[in-house]
Amino acid sequence: MSRLAALTRAAAAHRLTVSGIVSVMPGDGLPPRIRSVVLLSPDEPAFWPHVTAQPEFGDGAPGPLDRWSRRVIGALACDLGGKAWFPFGGPPWRPFTAWALRSGQAFTSPVGLLVHATRGLFISWRGAIGLEEALSPTFTRTLAPALADSPAPGLADSPAPALADSPAPALADTPAPALADSPAPALADTPAQRPCDTCAAPCMAGCPVDAFAGGRYDVAACHAYLVTGPGADCLIGGCRVRRACPVGAGNRQAAQSAFHMKAFHPR
């Protein structure tokens, strides 16, 4: 089994999926031995019930999701002789947005947020693993069942390009659920089509206060709306712009959106 196939299968045990692969470029600032970067995203809707049952969500310490990500993705990287990076905990900030765009699976949406070919505007990255192999810039098909944080732009599950669940030291490893001896999910060798090219762009009308008008994200307007009565819908169910995207609709659980919205807009 190839190292990529092993990573794909091991990640699936933690309800993570390979959402893109890129070749390393000089400007990425990675060690010379690393030649490819594999991006890992939540495999929704199975991800949230799985991750909230993990020890980090029951110990009362801050930043459970980021701590879980460090523990699990860090262990996956070590098992494969690779190196893990995260879209939180900087500086330095790793170029997750550039990696996502180079993967051929993520694109700039009409509202400026990144949109994924199968996960829509709810795409997020929990981490990335650098490998020594020179993998081709491979493009993932839908790996999930059905359709599919801080200054690092476009990575968090908040309405804005930005909040991460607070990082903290990693916990000790716990065993991952066993995987059946089955083939790894297939990878495609061509880039995905930008979903917005054939979409009526309901995201453009999704925000009640037009916080994405004019090509910029008005953070202040967003926060001001969230303290109003109608703003509770966004706090509980997630950003209405993201929810308006038809790609991957229904995969994101409301409880997960509420978790990220609380990080973005503490009450």
C-alpha atoms as a PDB file:
ATOM      1  CA  MET A   1       0.000   0.000   0.000  1.00  0.00           C
ATOM      2  CA  SER A   2       1.333   3.457  -0.878  1.00  0.00           C
ATOM      3  CA  ARG A   3       1.940   6.008   1.827  1.00  0.00           C
ATOM      4  CA  LEU A   4      -0.885   8.164   0.453  1.00  0.00           C
ATOM      5  CA  ALA A   5      -3.316   5.230   0.524  1.00  0.00           C
ATOM      6  CA  ALA A   6      -2.251   4.443   4.094  1.00  0.00           C
ATOM      7  CA  LEU A   7      -2.783   8.059   5.122  1.00  0.00           C
ATOM      8  CA  THR A   8      -6.191   8.200   3.448  1.00  0.00           C
ATOM      9  CA  ARG A   9      -7.362   5.064   5.262  1.00  0.00           C
ATOM     10  CA  ALA A  10      -5.894   6.066   8.624  1.00  0.00           C
ATOM     11  CA  ALA A  11      -7.442   9.538   8.395  1.00  0.00           C
ATOM     12  CA  ALA A  12     -10.838   8.017   7.654  1.00  0.00           C
ATOM     13  CA  ALA A  13     -10.752   6.283  11.045  1.00  0.00           C
ATOM     14  CA  HIS A  14     -10.760   9.752  12.606  1.00  0.00           C
ATOM     15  CA  ARG A  15     -13.484  11.014  10.255  1.00  0.00           C
ATOM     16  CA  LEU A  16     -10.982  13.095   8.309  1.00  0.00           C
ATOM     17  CA  THR A  17     -10.703  13.092   4.536  1.00  0.00           C
ATOM     18  CA  VAL A  18      -8.043  14.053   2.017  1.00  0.00           C
ATOM     19  CA  SER A  19      -9.380  17.247   0.439  1.00  0.00           C
ATOM     20  CA  GLY A  20      -6.411  18.100  -1.754  1.00  0.00           C
ATOM     21  CA  ILE A  21      -2.762  17.380  -2.535  1.00  0.00           C
ATOM     22  CA  VAL A  22      -0.177  19.886  -3.711  1.00  0.00           C
ATOM     23  CA  SER A  23       3.462  19.842  -4.722  1.00  0.00           C
ATOM     24  CA  VAL A  24       5.668  21.962  -2.485  1.00  0.00           C
ATOM     25  CA  MET A  25       6.893  25.258  -3.896  1.00  0.00           C
ATOM     26  CA  PRO A  26       9.884  27.303  -2.688  1.00  0.00           C
ATOM     27  CA  GLY A  27       7.667  29.993  -1.167  1.00  0.00           C
ATOM     28  CA  ASP A  28       5.860  27.503   1.088  1.00  0.00           C
ATOM     29  CA  GLY A  29       8.631  27.716   3.674  1.00  0.00           C
ATOM     30  CA  LEU A  30       8.777  23.971   4.330  1.00  0.00           C
ATOM     31  CA  PRO A  31      11.817  21.772   5.010  1.00  0.00           C
ATOM     32  CA  PRO A  32      13.646  20.729   1.812  1.00  0.00           C
ATOM     33  CA  ARG A  33      12.877  17.040   2.381  1.00  0.00           C
ATOM     34  CA  ILE A  34       9.115  17.680   2.105  1.00  0.00           C
ATOM     35  CA  ARG A  35       7.939  17.440  -1.499  1.00  0.00           C
ATOM     36  CA  SER A  36       4.160  17.086  -1.192  1.00  0.00           C
ATOM     37  CA  VAL A  37       1.454  18.373   1.144  1.00  0.00           C
ATOM     38  CA  VAL A  38      -1.756  16.452   1.830  1.00  0.00           C
ATOM     39  CA  LEU A  39      -4.669  18.554   3.123  1.00  0.00           C
ATOM     40  CA  LEU A  40      -7.048  17.022   5.668  1.00  0.00           C
ATOM     41  CA  SER A  41     -10.633  18.167   6.200  1.00  0.00           C
ATOM     42  CA  PRO A  42     -13.576  17.021   8.328  1.00  0.00           C
ATOM     43  CA  ASP A  43     -15.505  14.166   6.730  1.00  0.00           C
ATOM     44  CA  GLU A  44     -18.994  15.503   7.387  1.00  0.00           C
ATOM     45  CA  PRO A  45     -21.582  14.750   8.622  1.00  0.00           C
ATOM     46  CA  ALA A  46     -19.832  11.920  10.511  1.00  0.00           C
ATOM     47  CA  PHE A  47     -17.049  14.168  11.813  1.00  0.00           C
ATOM     48  CA  TRP A  48     -18.830  16.089  14.577  1.00  0.00           C
ATOM     49  CA  PRO A  49     -20.392  13.178  16.505  1.00  0.00           C
ATOM     50  CA  HIS A  50     -17.017  11.430  16.364  1.00  0.00           C
ATOM     51  CA  VAL A  51     -14.809  14.319  17.454  1.00  0.00           C
ATOM     52  CA  THR A  52     -17.069  15.489  20.295  1.00  0.00           C
ATOM     53  CA  ALA A  53     -16.831  12.008  21.825  1.00  0.00           C
ATOM     54  CA  GLN A  54     -13.039  12.357  22.120  1.00  0.00           C
ATOM     55  CA  PRO A  55     -11.223  13.101  25.429  1.00  0.00           C
ATOM     56  CA  GLU A  56     -10.457  16.723  24.499  1.00  0.00           C
ATOM     57  CA  PHE A  57     -14.152  17.560  24.512  1.00  0.00           C
ATOM     58  CA  GLY A  58     -14.652  16.181  28.013  1.00  0.00           C
ATOM     59  CA  ASP A  59     -11.656  17.492  29.947  1.00  0.00           C
ATOM     60  CA  GLY A  60     -12.893  21.072  30.387  1.00  0.00           C
ATOM     61  CA  ALA A  61      -9.715  22.616  28.960  1.00  0.00           C
ATOM     62  CA  PRO A  62      -9.954  25.309  26.260  1.00  0.00           C
ATOM     63  CA  GLY A  63      -9.463  24.645  22.576  1.00  0.00           C
ATOM     64  CA  PRO A  64     -10.711  21.057  22.342  1.00  0.00           C
ATOM     65  CA  LEU A  65     -10.925  20.915  18.548  1.00  0.00           C
ATOM     66  CA  ASP A  66      -7.462  22.309  17.934  1.00  0.00           C
ATOM     67  CA  ARG A  67      -5.972  20.055  20.624  1.00  0.00           C
ATOM     68  CA  TRP A  68      -7.655  17.036  19.058  1.00  0.00           C
ATOM     69  CA  SER A  69      -6.346  18.076  15.638  1.00  0.00           C
ATOM     70  CA  ARG A  70      -2.788  18.384  16.942  1.00  0.00           C
ATOM     71  CA  ARG A  71      -2.942  14.994  18.637  1.00  0.00           C
ATOM     72  CA  VAL A  72      -4.543  13.036  15.823  1.00  0.00           C
ATOM     73  CA  ILE A  73      -2.957  14.635  12.777  1.00  0.00           C
ATOM     74  CA  GLY A  74       0.394  14.838  14.544  1.00  0.00           C
ATOM     75  CA  ALA A  75       0.254  11.091  15.200  1.00  0.00           C
ATOM     76  CA  LEU A  76      -0.728  10.346  11.596  1.00  0.00           C
ATOM     77  CA  ALA A  77       2.260  12.350  10.389  1.00  0.00           C
ATOM     78  CA  CYS A  78       4.652  10.579  12.757  1.00  0.00           C
ATOM     79  CA  ASP A  79       3.381   7.156  11.720  1.00  0.00           C
ATOM     80  CA  LEU A  80       4.160   7.995   8.084  1.00  0.00           C
ATOM     81  CA  GLY A  81       7.481   9.724   8.666  1.00  0.00           C
ATOM     82  CA  GLY A  82       5.946  13.046   7.650  1.00  0.00           C
ATOM     83  CA  LYS A  83       5.416  16.419   9.250  1.00  0.00           C
ATOM     84  CA  ALA A  84       2.123  18.001  10.381  1.00  0.00           C
ATOM     85  CA  TRP A  85       1.094  21.641  10.035  1.00  0.00           C
ATOM     86  CA  PHE A  86      -2.052  23.421  11.164  1.00  0.00           C
ATOM     87  CA  PRO A  87      -4.046  26.517  10.155  1.00  0.00           C
ATOM     88  CA  PHE A  88      -3.877  27.788  13.747  1.00  0.00           C
ATOM     89  CA  GLY A  89      -1.257  28.349  16.418  1.00  0.00           C
ATOM     90  CA  GLY A  90       0.965  30.718  14.422  1.00  0.00           C
ATOM     91  CA  PRO A  91       2.985  32.615  13.689  1.00  0.00           C
ATOM     92  CA  PRO A  92       4.373  31.347  11.470  1.00  0.00           C
ATOM     93  CA  TRP A  93       1.176  30.892   9.478  1.00  0.00           C
ATOM     94  CA  ARG A  94       1.288  28.141   6.905  1.00  0.00           C
ATOM     95  CA  PRO A  95      -0.192  28.999   3.463  1.00  0.00           C
ATOM     96  CA  PHE A  96      -3.322  26.874   3.734  1.00  0.00           C
ATOM     97  CA  THR A  97      -5.318  29.170   1.470  1.00  0.00           C
ATOM     98  CA  ALA A  98      -2.679  28.960  -1.263  1.00  0.00           C
ATOM     99  CA  TRP A  99      -2.409  25.188  -0.824  1.00  0.00           C
ATOM    100  CA  ALA A 100      -6.166  24.798  -1.092  1.00  0.00           C
ATOM    101  CA  LEU A 101      -6.309  26.853  -4.280  1.00  0.00           C
ATOM    102  CA  ARG A 102      -3.365  24.990  -5.808  1.00  0.00           C
ATOM    103  CA  SER A 103      -5.014  21.654  -5.060  1.00  0.00           C
ATOM    104  CA  GLY A 104      -7.562  22.158  -7.829  1.00  0.00           C
ATOM    105  CA  GLN A 105     -10.365  21.349  -5.388  1.00  0.00           C
ATOM    106  CA  ALA A 106     -10.959  24.772  -3.786  1.00  0.00           C
ATOM    107  CA  PHE A 107     -11.778  28.068  -5.454  1.00  0.00           C
ATOM    108  CA  THR A 108     -12.604  31.670  -4.637  1.00  0.00           C
ATOM    109  CA  SER A 109     -16.375  32.057  -4.332  1.00  0.00           C
ATOM    110  CA  PRO A 110     -18.384  35.142  -5.369  1.00  0.00           C
ATOM    111  CA  VAL A 111     -18.383  36.307  -1.729  1.00  0.00           C
ATOM    112  CA  GLY A 112     -14.627  35.874  -1.384  1.00  0.00           C
ATOM    113  CA  LEU A 113     -14.667  32.807   0.883  1.00  0.00           C
ATOM    114  CA  LEU A 114     -13.098  29.594  -0.349  1.00  0.00           C
ATOM    115  CA  VAL A 115     -15.534  27.092  -1.819  1.00  0.00           C
ATOM    116  CA  HIS A 116     -14.752  23.408  -2.252  1.00  0.00           C
ATOM    117  CA  ALA A 117     -15.876  21.278  -5.170  1.00  0.00           C
ATOM    118  CA  THR A 118     -17.843  18.867  -2.951  1.00  0.00           C
ATOM    119  CA  ARG A 119     -18.038  20.576   0.438  1.00  0.00           C
ATOM    120  CA  GLY A 120     -19.077  24.038  -0.656  1.00  0.00           C
ATOM    121  CA  LEU A 121     -18.612  27.055   1.605  1.00  0.00           C
ATOM    122  CA  PHE A 122     -18.389  24.899   4.727  1.00  0.00           C
ATOM    123  CA  ILE A 123     -14.964  23.609   3.698  1.00  0.00           C
ATOM    124  CA  SER A 124     -12.345  23.808   6.429  1.00  0.00           C
ATOM    125  CA  TRP A 125      -8.943  22.296   7.035  1.00  0.00           C
ATOM    126  CA  ARG A 126      -7.960  20.693  10.318  1.00  0.00           C
ATOM    127  CA  GLY A 127      -4.356  20.263   9.243  1.00  0.00           C
ATOM    128  CA  ALA A 128      -1.942  19.113   6.574  1.00  0.00           C
ATOM    129  CA  ILE A 129       0.762  16.469   6.383  1.00  0.00           C
ATOM    130  CA  GLY A 130       3.970  16.922   4.426  1.00  0.00           C
ATOM    131  CA  LEU A 131       5.476  13.826   2.829  1.00  0.00           C
ATOM    132  CA  GLU A 132       8.843  13.179   1.217  1.00  0.00           C
ATOM    133  CA  GLU A 133       7.292  11.599  -1.867  1.00  0.00           C
ATOM    134  CA  ALA A 134       6.835  13.751  -4.961  1.00  0.00           C
ATOM    135  CA  LEU A 135       3.135  13.033  -5.329  1.00  0.00           C
ATOM    136  CA  SER A 136       1.438  14.446  -8.390  1.00  0.00           C
ATOM    137  CA  PRO A 137      -0.884  17.333  -7.576  1.00  0.00           C
ATOM    138  CA  THR A 138      -3.739  14.887  -7.258  1.00  0.00           C
ATOM    139  CA  PHE A 139      -7.370  15.897  -7.130  1.00  0.00           C
ATOM    140  CA  THR A 140      -9.729  14.116  -4.782  1.00  0.00           C
ATOM    141  CA  ARG A 141     -13.116  12.884  -5.772  1.00  0.00           C
ATOM    142  CA  THR A 142     -15.890  12.972  -3.187  1.00  0.00           C
ATOM    143  CA  LEU A 143     -14.412  11.005  -0.305  1.00  0.00           C
ATOM    144  CA  ALA A 144     -17.213  11.614   2.177  1.00  0.00           C
ATOM    145  CA  PRO A 145     -20.431   9.649   2.103  1.00  0.00           C
ATOM    146  CA  ALA A 146     -23.166  11.537   0.279  1.00  0.00           C
ATOM    147  CA  LEU A 147     -21.813  14.863  -1.086  1.00  0.00           C
ATOM    148  CA  ALA A 148     -19.343  15.188   0.301  1.00  0.00           C
ATOM    149  CA  ASP A 149      -8.502  30.187  13.071  1.00  0.00           C
ATOM    150  CA  SER A 150      -6.389  34.140  13.931  1.00  0.00           C
ATOM    151  CA  PRO A 151      -4.728  35.608  10.932  1.00  0.00           C
ATOM    152  CA  ALA A 152      -4.821  32.626   8.585  1.00  0.00           C
ATOM    153  CA  PRO A 153      -7.506  33.750   6.103  1.00  0.00           C
ATOM    154  CA  GLY A 154     -10.388  31.625   4.971  1.00  0.00           C
ATOM    155  CA  LEU A 155      -9.800  28.597   7.144  1.00  0.00           C
ATOM    156  CA  ALA A 156     -12.146  28.753  10.071  1.00  0.00           C
ATOM    157  CA  ASP A 157     -15.709  27.582  10.292  1.00  0.00           C
ATOM    158  CA  SER A 158     -16.944  31.047  11.161  1.00  0.00           C
ATOM    159  CA  PRO A 159     -18.650  33.548   8.889  1.00  0.00           C
ATOM    160  CA  ALA A 160     -15.367  35.397   8.549  1.00  0.00           C
ATOM    161  CA  PRO A 161     -12.102  34.151   7.089  1.00  0.00           C
ATOM    162  CA  ALA A 162     -10.580  33.600  10.429  1.00  0.00           C
ATOM    163  CA  LEU A 163     -11.151  32.274  13.946  1.00  0.00           C
ATOM    164  CA  ALA A 164      -9.467  29.113  15.099  1.00  0.00           C
ATOM    165  CA  ASP A 165     -10.362  27.089  18.117  1.00  0.00           C
ATOM    166  CA  SER A 166      -7.611  28.028  20.580  1.00  0.00           C
ATOM    167  CA  PRO A 167      -4.512  25.857  20.321  1.00  0.00           C
ATOM    168  CA  ALA A 168      -3.059  24.049  23.309  1.00  0.00           C
ATOM    169  CA  PRO A 169      -0.439  21.371  23.932  1.00  0.00           C
ATOM    170  CA  ALA A 170      -1.247  18.019  22.355  1.00  0.00           C
ATOM    171  CA  LEU A 171      -2.572  15.146  24.406  1.00  0.00           C
ATOM    172  CA  ALA A 172      -1.097  11.682  24.499  1.00  0.00           C
ATOM    173  CA  ASP A 173      -2.130   9.342  21.739  1.00  0.00           C
ATOM    174  CA  THR A 174      -5.202   7.161  22.001  1.00  0.00           C
ATOM    175  CA  PRO A 175      -5.813   4.302  19.605  1.00  0.00           C
ATOM    176  CA  ALA A 176      -7.865   5.016  16.503  1.00  0.00           C
ATOM    177  CA  PRO A 177     -10.820   2.820  15.604  1.00  0.00           C
ATOM    178  CA  ALA A 178      -9.801  -0.146  13.501  1.00  0.00           C
ATOM    179  CA  LEU A 179     -10.394   0.034   9.763  1.00  0.00           C
ATOM    180  CA  ALA A 180     -11.606  -2.804   7.616  1.00  0.00           C
ATOM    181  CA  ASP A 181      -9.162  -4.116   5.044  1.00  0.00           C
ATOM    182  CA  SER A 182     -10.715  -2.258   2.142  1.00  0.00           C
ATOM    183  CA  PRO A 183      -9.275  -0.145  -0.652  1.00  0.00           C
ATOM    184  CA  ALA A 184      -8.602   3.527  -0.001  1.00  0.00           C
ATOM    185  CA  PRO A 185     -11.042   6.029  -1.546  1.00  0.00           C
ATOM    186  CA  ALA A 186     -10.273   6.799  -5.160  1.00  0.00           C
ATOM    187  CA  LEU A 187      -8.330   9.858  -6.267  1.00  0.00           C
ATOM    188  CA  ALA A 188      -8.916  11.605  -9.552  1.00  0.00           C
ATOM    189  CA  ASP A 189      -6.181  12.875 -11.831  1.00  0.00           C
ATOM    190  CA  THR A 190      -7.922  16.014 -13.094  1.00  0.00           C
ATOM    191  CA  PRO A 191      -8.899  19.192 -11.250  1.00  0.00           C
ATOM    192  CA  ALA A 192     -12.479  19.703 -10.181  1.00  0.00           C
ATOM    193  CA  GLN A 193     -14.772  22.200 -11.858  1.00  0.00           C
ATOM    194  CA  ARG A 194     -15.392  25.409  -9.917  1.00  0.00           C
ATOM    195  CA  PRO A 195     -18.956  24.851  -8.662  1.00  0.00           C
ATOM    196  CA  CYS A 196     -19.780  28.563  -8.832  1.00  0.00           C
ATOM    197  CA  ASP A 197     -19.475  28.510 -12.630  1.00  0.00           C
ATOM    198  CA  THR A 198     -22.813  26.730 -12.940  1.00  0.00           C
ATOM    199  CA  CYS A 199     -24.486  28.151  -9.814  1.00  0.00           C
ATOM    200  CA  ALA A 200     -26.999  30.986  -9.385  1.00  0.00           C
ATOM    201  CA  ALA A 201     -24.872  32.213  -6.438  1.00  0.00           C
ATOM    202  CA  PRO A 202     -27.474  32.278  -3.635  1.00  0.00           C
ATOM    203  CA  CYS A 203     -24.541  33.066  -1.313  1.00  0.00           C
ATOM    204  CA  MET A 204     -24.547  36.637  -2.641  1.00  0.00           C
ATOM    205  CA  ALA A 205     -27.943  37.264  -1.078  1.00  0.00           C
ATOM    206  CA  GLY A 206     -27.389  35.121   2.022  1.00  0.00           C
ATOM    207  CA  CYS A 207     -26.153  37.731   4.490  1.00  0.00           C
ATOM    208  CA  PRO A 208     -28.886  39.805   6.203  1.00  0.00           C
ATOM    209  CA  VAL A 209     -26.511  42.790   6.533  1.00  0.00           C
ATOM    210  CA  ASP A 210     -24.585  42.359   3.269  1.00  0.00           C
ATOM    211  CA  ALA A 211     -21.362  41.875   5.177  1.00  0.00           C
ATOM    212  CA  PHE A 212     -19.659  40.577   2.013  1.00  0.00           C
ATOM    213  CA  ALA A 213     -20.768  43.407  -0.278  1.00  0.00           C
ATOM    214  CA  GLY A 214     -18.118  45.209  -2.263  1.00  0.00           C
ATOM    215  CA  GLY A 215     -15.686  42.323  -2.228  1.00  0.00           C
ATOM    216  CA  ARG A 216     -14.658  42.807   1.400  1.00  0.00           C
ATOM    217  CA  TYR A 217     -15.831  41.171   4.613  1.00  0.00           C
ATOM    218  CA  ASP A 218     -17.317  43.709   7.039  1.00  0.00           C
ATOM    219  CA  VAL A 219     -16.492  42.023  10.345  1.00  0.00           C
ATOM    220  CA  ALA A 220     -17.998  44.831  12.440  1.00  0.00           C
ATOM    221  CA  ALA A 221     -21.344  44.603  10.632  1.00  0.00           C
ATOM    222  CA  CYS A 222     -21.411  40.866  11.168  1.00  0.00           C
ATOM    223  CA  HIS A 223     -20.716  41.108  14.905  1.00  0.00           C
ATOM    224  CA  ALA A 224     -23.288  43.898  15.273  1.00  0.00           C
ATOM    225  CA  TYR A 225     -25.962  41.722  13.681  1.00  0.00           C
ATOM    226  CA  LEU A 226     -25.137  38.728  15.850  1.00  0.00           C
ATOM    227  CA  VAL A 227     -26.135  40.582  19.031  1.00  0.00           C
ATOM    228  CA  THR A 228     -29.643  41.215  17.674  1.00  0.00           C
ATOM    229  CA  GLY A 229     -32.585  38.866  18.038  1.00  0.00           C
ATOM    230  CA  PRO A 230     -32.550  37.715  14.389  1.00  0.00           C
ATOM    231  CA  GLY A 231     -28.811  37.166  14.679  1.00  0.00           C
ATOM    232  CA  ALA A 232     -29.489  34.137  16.887  1.00  0.00           C
ATOM    233  CA  ASP A 233     -30.262  32.149  13.735  1.00  0.00           C
ATOM    234  CA  CYS A 234     -26.645  32.578  12.586  1.00  0.00           C
ATOM    235  CA  LEU A 235     -25.243  31.835  16.030  1.00  0.00           C
ATOM    236  CA  ILE A 236     -27.215  28.606  16.335  1.00  0.00           C
ATOM    237  CA  GLY A 237     -27.310  27.382  12.755  1.00  0.00           C
ATOM    238  CA  GLY A 238     -24.181  28.905  11.255  1.00  0.00           C
ATOM    239  CA  CYS A 239     -23.415  31.652   8.768  1.00  0.00           C
ATOM    240  CA  ARG A 240     -26.334  32.116   6.377  1.00  0.00           C
ATOM    241  CA  VAL A 241     -23.975  32.809   3.488  1.00  0.00           C
ATOM    242  CA  ARG A 242     -22.296  29.441   3.964  1.00  0.00           C
ATOM    243  CA  ARG A 243     -25.658  27.733   4.446  1.00  0.00           C
ATOM    244  CA  ALA A 244     -26.937  29.229   1.177  1.00  0.00           C
ATOM    245  CA  CYS A 245     -24.374  27.273  -0.855  1.00  0.00           C
ATOM    246  CA  PRO A 246     -26.043  24.251  -2.482  1.00  0.00           C
ATOM    247  CA  VAL A 247     -22.777  22.286  -2.696  1.00  0.00           C
ATOM    248  CA  GLY A 248     -22.576  19.799   0.155  1.00  0.00           C
ATOM    249  CA  ALA A 249     -25.839  21.129   1.576  1.00  0.00           C
ATOM    250  CA  GLY A 250     -26.929  19.277   4.694  1.00  0.00           C
ATOM    251  CA  ASN A 251     -23.530  17.821   5.571  1.00  0.00           C
ATOM    252  CA  ARG A 252     -22.676  20.353   8.269  1.00  0.00           C
ATOM    253  CA  GLN A 253     -24.374  19.681  11.606  1.00  0.00           C
ATOM    254  CA  ALA A 254     -25.907  22.687  13.374  1.00  0.00           C
ATOM    255  CA  ALA A 255     -24.072  21.842  16.612  1.00  0.00           C
ATOM    256  CA  GLN A 256     -20.744  22.098  14.814  1.00  0.00           C
ATOM    257  CA  SER A 257     -21.679  25.457  13.310  1.00  0.00           C
ATOM    258  CA  ALA A 258     -22.754  26.714  16.739  1.00  0.00           C
ATOM    259  CA  PHE A 259     -19.383  25.671  18.180  1.00  0.00           C
ATOM    260  CA  HIS A 260     -17.467  27.662  15.582  1.00  0.00           C
ATOM    261  CA  MET A 261     -19.824  30.648  15.812  1.00  0.00           C
ATOM    262  CA  LYS A 262     -19.251  30.783  19.561  1.00  0.00           C
ATOM    263  CA  ALA A 263     -15.502  30.939  18.932  1.00  0.00           C
ATOM    264  CA  PHE A 264     -16.028  33.702  16.381  1.00  0.00           C
ATOM    265  CA  HIS A 265     -18.520  35.664  18.498  1.00  0.00           C
ATOM    266  CA  PRO A 266     -18.214  34.826  22.215  1.00  0.00           C
ATOM    267  CA  ARG A 267     -21.335  35.832  24.124  1.00  0.00           C
END
